[in-house]
Amino acid sequence: MNRIQRMEKKMNELETKIPSKKKTPKLARMFLRFGKKADKKDGFVLVQYLNMKQQISFKLYRIVGGDQVVIDNKVHTLNPKDMWRYKKTLTYIIREIDRKPVSNQDYDAVKQRGDDTSSDVPLIKAVLGAVQKPSPLQNKSIILWILGVVVAGIVIYTFVA
């Protein structure tokens, strides 16, 4: 095998190792597939269902009675204000143990309980500031201040004595 053949062989090996495209995660592909179907079908809604086994499933469910969805013999009430948007697709996030979908409608109650994340900003900044190391510029300024005080002391000592 000559040098050119070895180089061609090596290039072919490298080309097979390089992935051709980044694949979207399985959950996102599933969401997009059901989302396109939900947009085309009337009387159906795309639901992201959170069950008690800590699993997420995406499915199209038929709307019953105008504002209800039956999932595994459990009735869940729908409200247009509780819809979540991913790109152009509208979806509901429903927990198995809840009758109402997950939403931001109870923001005032969450804020009143003190569980809101908007009040955490100063605390997070304080924690991150305490964890960060001082920058080299701060160390240099401290050294310059000390040096200035020493020089001033020497100057004052020479003129006074």
C-alpha atoms as a PDB file:
ATOM      1  CA  MET A   1       0.000   0.000   0.000  1.00  0.00           C
ATOM      2  CA  ASN A   2       1.473   3.291  -1.017  1.00  0.00           C
ATOM      3  CA  ARG A   3       1.142   6.614   0.735  1.00  0.00           C
ATOM      4  CA  ILE A   4      -1.806   7.899  -1.325  1.00  0.00           C
ATOM      5  CA  GLN A   5      -3.839   4.765  -0.702  1.00  0.00           C
ATOM      6  CA  ARG A   6      -3.178   4.991   3.047  1.00  0.00           C
ATOM      7  CA  MET A   7      -4.311   8.634   3.070  1.00  0.00           C
ATOM      8  CA  GLU A   8      -7.489   7.793   1.129  1.00  0.00           C
ATOM      9  CA  LYS A   9      -8.249   4.952   3.522  1.00  0.00           C
ATOM     10  CA  LYS A  10      -7.742   7.250   6.514  1.00  0.00           C
ATOM     11  CA  MET A  11     -10.010   9.922   4.971  1.00  0.00           C
ATOM     12  CA  ASN A  12     -12.760   7.349   4.352  1.00  0.00           C
ATOM     13  CA  GLU A  13     -12.540   6.209   7.965  1.00  0.00           C
ATOM     14  CA  LEU A  14     -12.819   9.782   9.224  1.00  0.00           C
ATOM     15  CA  GLU A  15     -15.811  10.504   6.976  1.00  0.00           C
ATOM     16  CA  THR A  16     -17.717   7.540   8.373  1.00  0.00           C
ATOM     17  CA  LYS A  17     -17.062   8.675  11.950  1.00  0.00           C
ATOM     18  CA  ILE A  18     -18.433  12.207  11.405  1.00  0.00           C
ATOM     19  CA  PRO A  19     -22.194  12.370  12.000  1.00  0.00           C
ATOM     20  CA  SER A  20     -24.084  13.793   9.055  1.00  0.00           C
ATOM     21  CA  LYS A  21     -26.749  15.749  10.972  1.00  0.00           C
ATOM     22  CA  LYS A  22     -27.696  16.561  14.505  1.00  0.00           C
ATOM     23  CA  LYS A  23     -30.802  14.615  15.382  1.00  0.00           C
ATOM     24  CA  THR A  24     -33.586  16.240  17.335  1.00  0.00           C
ATOM     25  CA  PRO A  25     -34.352  14.512  20.614  1.00  0.00           C
ATOM     26  CA  LYS A  26     -37.008  11.818  20.487  1.00  0.00           C
ATOM     27  CA  LEU A  27     -39.408  13.767  22.709  1.00  0.00           C
ATOM     28  CA  ALA A  28     -39.199  16.841  20.469  1.00  0.00           C
ATOM     29  CA  ARG A  29     -39.770  14.764  17.321  1.00  0.00           C
ATOM     30  CA  MET A  30     -42.816  13.182  18.932  1.00  0.00           C
ATOM     31  CA  PHE A  31     -44.140  16.607  19.947  1.00  0.00           C
ATOM     32  CA  LEU A  32     -43.701  18.029  16.456  1.00  0.00           C
ATOM     33  CA  ARG A  33     -45.374  15.013  14.826  1.00  0.00           C
ATOM     34  CA  PHE A  34     -48.455  15.212  17.046  1.00  0.00           C
ATOM     35  CA  GLY A  35     -48.496  19.006  16.839  1.00  0.00           C
ATOM     36  CA  LYS A  36     -48.878  18.932  13.058  1.00  0.00           C
ATOM     37  CA  LYS A  37     -51.756  16.470  13.350  1.00  0.00           C
ATOM     38  CA  ALA A  38     -53.448  18.560  16.058  1.00  0.00           C
ATOM     39  CA  ASP A  39     -53.420  21.648  13.838  1.00  0.00           C
ATOM     40  CA  LYS A  40     -55.258  19.746  11.080  1.00  0.00           C
ATOM     41  CA  LYS A  41     -57.918  18.036  13.208  1.00  0.00           C
ATOM     42  CA  ASP A  42     -60.886  19.844  14.710  1.00  0.00           C
ATOM     43  CA  GLY A  43     -62.260  18.528  17.954  1.00  0.00           C
ATOM     44  CA  PHE A  44     -58.873  17.194  19.050  1.00  0.00           C
ATOM     45  CA  VAL A  45     -56.257  18.735  21.287  1.00  0.00           C
ATOM     46  CA  LEU A  46     -52.575  17.956  21.778  1.00  0.00           C
ATOM     47  CA  VAL A  47     -51.859  17.055  25.414  1.00  0.00           C
ATOM     48  CA  GLN A  48     -48.557  16.684  27.180  1.00  0.00           C
ATOM     49  CA  TYR A  49     -49.582  14.209  29.869  1.00  0.00           C
ATOM     50  CA  LEU A  50     -47.553  13.897  33.080  1.00  0.00           C
ATOM     51  CA  ASN A  51     -48.408  10.632  34.794  1.00  0.00           C
ATOM     52  CA  MET A  52     -47.695   9.270  38.283  1.00  0.00           C
ATOM     53  CA  LYS A  53     -44.805   7.118  37.006  1.00  0.00           C
ATOM     54  CA  GLN A  54     -42.789  10.289  36.267  1.00  0.00           C
ATOM     55  CA  GLN A  55     -43.268   9.833  32.525  1.00  0.00           C
ATOM     56  CA  ILE A  56     -44.336  12.297  29.843  1.00  0.00           C
ATOM     57  CA  SER A  57     -46.458  11.331  26.874  1.00  0.00           C
ATOM     58  CA  PHE A  58     -47.741  13.394  23.962  1.00  0.00           C
ATOM     59  CA  LYS A  59     -51.095  12.402  22.515  1.00  0.00           C
ATOM     60  CA  LEU A  60     -54.056  13.745  20.625  1.00  0.00           C
ATOM     61  CA  TYR A  61     -57.260  13.536  22.644  1.00  0.00           C
ATOM     62  CA  ARG A  62     -60.832  14.179  21.582  1.00  0.00           C
ATOM     63  CA  ILE A  63     -62.554  17.164  23.205  1.00  0.00           C
ATOM     64  CA  VAL A  64     -65.738  15.969  24.914  1.00  0.00           C
ATOM     65  CA  GLY A  65     -68.569  18.286  25.861  1.00  0.00           C
ATOM     66  CA  GLY A  66     -66.836  21.380  24.538  1.00  0.00           C
ATOM     67  CA  ASP A  67     -64.308  21.812  27.349  1.00  0.00           C
ATOM     68  CA  GLN A  68     -63.310  18.411  28.695  1.00  0.00           C
ATOM     69  CA  VAL A  69     -60.814  15.701  27.816  1.00  0.00           C
ATOM     70  CA  VAL A  70     -61.037  12.139  29.079  1.00  0.00           C
ATOM     71  CA  ILE A  71     -57.651  10.497  29.622  1.00  0.00           C
ATOM     72  CA  ASP A  72     -57.541   6.978  31.090  1.00  0.00           C
ATOM     73  CA  ASN A  73     -61.097   7.345  32.486  1.00  0.00           C
ATOM     74  CA  LYS A  74     -60.161  10.619  34.213  1.00  0.00           C
ATOM     75  CA  VAL A  75     -61.876  13.863  33.252  1.00  0.00           C
ATOM     76  CA  HIS A  76     -59.753  16.997  32.819  1.00  0.00           C
ATOM     77  CA  THR A  77     -61.245  20.447  32.251  1.00  0.00           C
ATOM     78  CA  LEU A  78     -59.823  22.598  29.458  1.00  0.00           C
ATOM     79  CA  ASN A  79     -59.533  26.375  29.431  1.00  0.00           C
ATOM     80  CA  PRO A  80     -58.153  28.414  26.504  1.00  0.00           C
ATOM     81  CA  LYS A  81     -56.176  30.544  28.983  1.00  0.00           C
ATOM     82  CA  ASP A  82     -54.242  27.444  30.084  1.00  0.00           C
ATOM     83  CA  MET A  83     -52.843  26.637  26.631  1.00  0.00           C
ATOM     84  CA  TRP A  84     -49.105  26.600  26.081  1.00  0.00           C
ATOM     85  CA  ARG A  85     -47.498  27.452  22.763  1.00  0.00           C
ATOM     86  CA  TYR A  86     -44.518  25.765  21.108  1.00  0.00           C
ATOM     87  CA  LYS A  87     -43.752  27.583  17.863  1.00  0.00           C
ATOM     88  CA  LYS A  88     -47.172  27.459  16.124  1.00  0.00           C
ATOM     89  CA  THR A  89     -48.557  24.467  17.994  1.00  0.00           C
ATOM     90  CA  LEU A  90     -50.936  24.909  20.911  1.00  0.00           C
ATOM     91  CA  THR A  91     -50.898  22.291  23.635  1.00  0.00           C
ATOM     92  CA  TYR A  92     -52.114  21.590  27.146  1.00  0.00           C
ATOM     93  CA  ILE A  93     -49.932  20.297  29.948  1.00  0.00           C
ATOM     94  CA  ILE A  94     -52.036  18.038  32.138  1.00  0.00           C
ATOM     95  CA  ARG A  95     -50.973  16.197  35.259  1.00  0.00           C
ATOM     96  CA  GLU A  96     -52.660  12.883  36.002  1.00  0.00           C
ATOM     97  CA  ILE A  97     -53.639  14.001  39.515  1.00  0.00           C
ATOM     98  CA  ASP A  98     -55.108  17.391  38.476  1.00  0.00           C
ATOM     99  CA  ARG A  99     -58.455  18.243  36.901  1.00  0.00           C
ATOM    100  CA  LYS A 100     -57.130  21.546  35.601  1.00  0.00           C
ATOM    101  CA  PRO A 101     -54.176  21.909  33.208  1.00  0.00           C
ATOM    102  CA  VAL A 102     -50.892  23.427  34.351  1.00  0.00           C
ATOM    103  CA  SER A 103     -51.036  27.190  33.877  1.00  0.00           C
ATOM    104  CA  ASN A 104     -49.859  30.595  35.044  1.00  0.00           C
ATOM    105  CA  GLN A 105     -53.333  31.603  36.227  1.00  0.00           C
ATOM    106  CA  ASP A 106     -52.462  31.210  39.927  1.00  0.00           C
ATOM    107  CA  TYR A 107     -49.494  33.600  39.828  1.00  0.00           C
ATOM    108  CA  ASP A 108     -50.897  35.846  42.565  1.00  0.00           C
ATOM    109  CA  ALA A 109     -51.422  32.905  44.916  1.00  0.00           C
ATOM    110  CA  VAL A 110     -47.895  31.630  44.276  1.00  0.00           C
ATOM    111  CA  LYS A 111     -46.470  35.087  44.896  1.00  0.00           C
ATOM    112  CA  GLN A 112     -48.478  35.414  48.094  1.00  0.00           C
ATOM    113  CA  ARG A 113     -47.129  32.060  49.360  1.00  0.00           C
ATOM    114  CA  GLY A 114     -43.578  33.218  48.584  1.00  0.00           C
ATOM    115  CA  ASP A 115     -42.846  30.434  46.099  1.00  0.00           C
ATOM    116  CA  ASP A 116     -42.330  32.708  43.095  1.00  0.00           C
ATOM    117  CA  THR A 117     -38.931  32.781  41.437  1.00  0.00           C
ATOM    118  CA  SER A 118     -38.938  36.512  40.672  1.00  0.00           C
ATOM    119  CA  SER A 119     -37.923  37.331  44.271  1.00  0.00           C
ATOM    120  CA  ASP A 120     -34.906  35.011  44.028  1.00  0.00           C
ATOM    121  CA  VAL A 121     -32.912  37.334  41.751  1.00  0.00           C
ATOM    122  CA  PRO A 122     -31.144  39.356  44.517  1.00  0.00           C
ATOM    123  CA  LEU A 123     -30.437  36.189  46.475  1.00  0.00           C
ATOM    124  CA  ILE A 124     -28.917  34.443  43.439  1.00  0.00           C
ATOM    125  CA  LYS A 125     -26.790  37.493  42.631  1.00  0.00           C
ATOM    126  CA  ALA A 126     -25.528  37.600  46.226  1.00  0.00           C
ATOM    127  CA  VAL A 127     -24.652  33.904  46.198  1.00  0.00           C
ATOM    128  CA  LEU A 128     -22.910  34.137  42.835  1.00  0.00           C
ATOM    129  CA  GLY A 129     -20.988  37.232  43.993  1.00  0.00           C
ATOM    130  CA  ALA A 130     -19.811  35.409  47.124  1.00  0.00           C
ATOM    131  CA  VAL A 131     -18.664  32.412  45.110  1.00  0.00           C
ATOM    132  CA  GLN A 132     -16.730  34.369  42.478  1.00  0.00           C
ATOM    133  CA  LYS A 133     -13.019  34.923  43.008  1.00  0.00           C
ATOM    134  CA  PRO A 134     -11.717  38.490  43.118  1.00  0.00           C
ATOM    135  CA  SER A 135     -10.448  39.663  39.768  1.00  0.00           C
ATOM    136  CA  PRO A 136      -6.721  40.339  39.262  1.00  0.00           C
ATOM    137  CA  LEU A 137      -7.525  44.043  38.823  1.00  0.00           C
ATOM    138  CA  GLN A 138      -8.799  44.250  42.404  1.00  0.00           C
ATOM    139  CA  ASN A 139      -5.604  42.610  43.697  1.00  0.00           C
ATOM    140  CA  LYS A 140      -3.481  45.105  41.772  1.00  0.00           C
ATOM    141  CA  SER A 141      -5.410  48.065  43.152  1.00  0.00           C
ATOM    142  CA  ILE A 142      -4.939  46.824  46.718  1.00  0.00           C
ATOM    143  CA  ILE A 143      -1.206  46.415  46.135  1.00  0.00           C
ATOM    144  CA  LEU A 144      -1.017  49.935  44.646  1.00  0.00           C
ATOM    145  CA  TRP A 145      -2.815  51.411  47.680  1.00  0.00           C
ATOM    146  CA  ILE A 146      -0.421  49.684  50.086  1.00  0.00           C
ATOM    147  CA  LEU A 147       2.567  50.823  48.020  1.00  0.00           C
ATOM    148  CA  GLY A 148       1.221  54.405  48.016  1.00  0.00           C
ATOM    149  CA  VAL A 149       0.800  54.384  51.806  1.00  0.00           C
ATOM    150  CA  VAL A 150       4.382  53.076  52.266  1.00  0.00           C
ATOM    151  CA  VAL A 151       5.805  55.739  49.910  1.00  0.00           C
ATOM    152  CA  ALA A 152       3.814  58.467  51.683  1.00  0.00           C
ATOM    153  CA  GLY A 153       5.122  57.214  55.043  1.00  0.00           C
ATOM    154  CA  ILE A 154       8.717  57.311  53.808  1.00  0.00           C
ATOM    155  CA  VAL A 155       8.279  60.840  52.390  1.00  0.00           C
ATOM    156  CA  ILE A 156       6.725  62.123  55.623  1.00  0.00           C
ATOM    157  CA  TYR A 157       9.459  60.431  57.730  1.00  0.00           C
ATOM    158  CA  THR A 158      12.270  61.999  55.669  1.00  0.00           C
ATOM    159  CA  PHE A 159      10.826  65.547  55.874  1.00  0.00           C
ATOM    160  CA  VAL A 160       9.931  65.338  59.576  1.00  0.00           C
ATOM    161  CA  ALA A 161      13.227  63.825  60.735  1.00  0.00           C
END
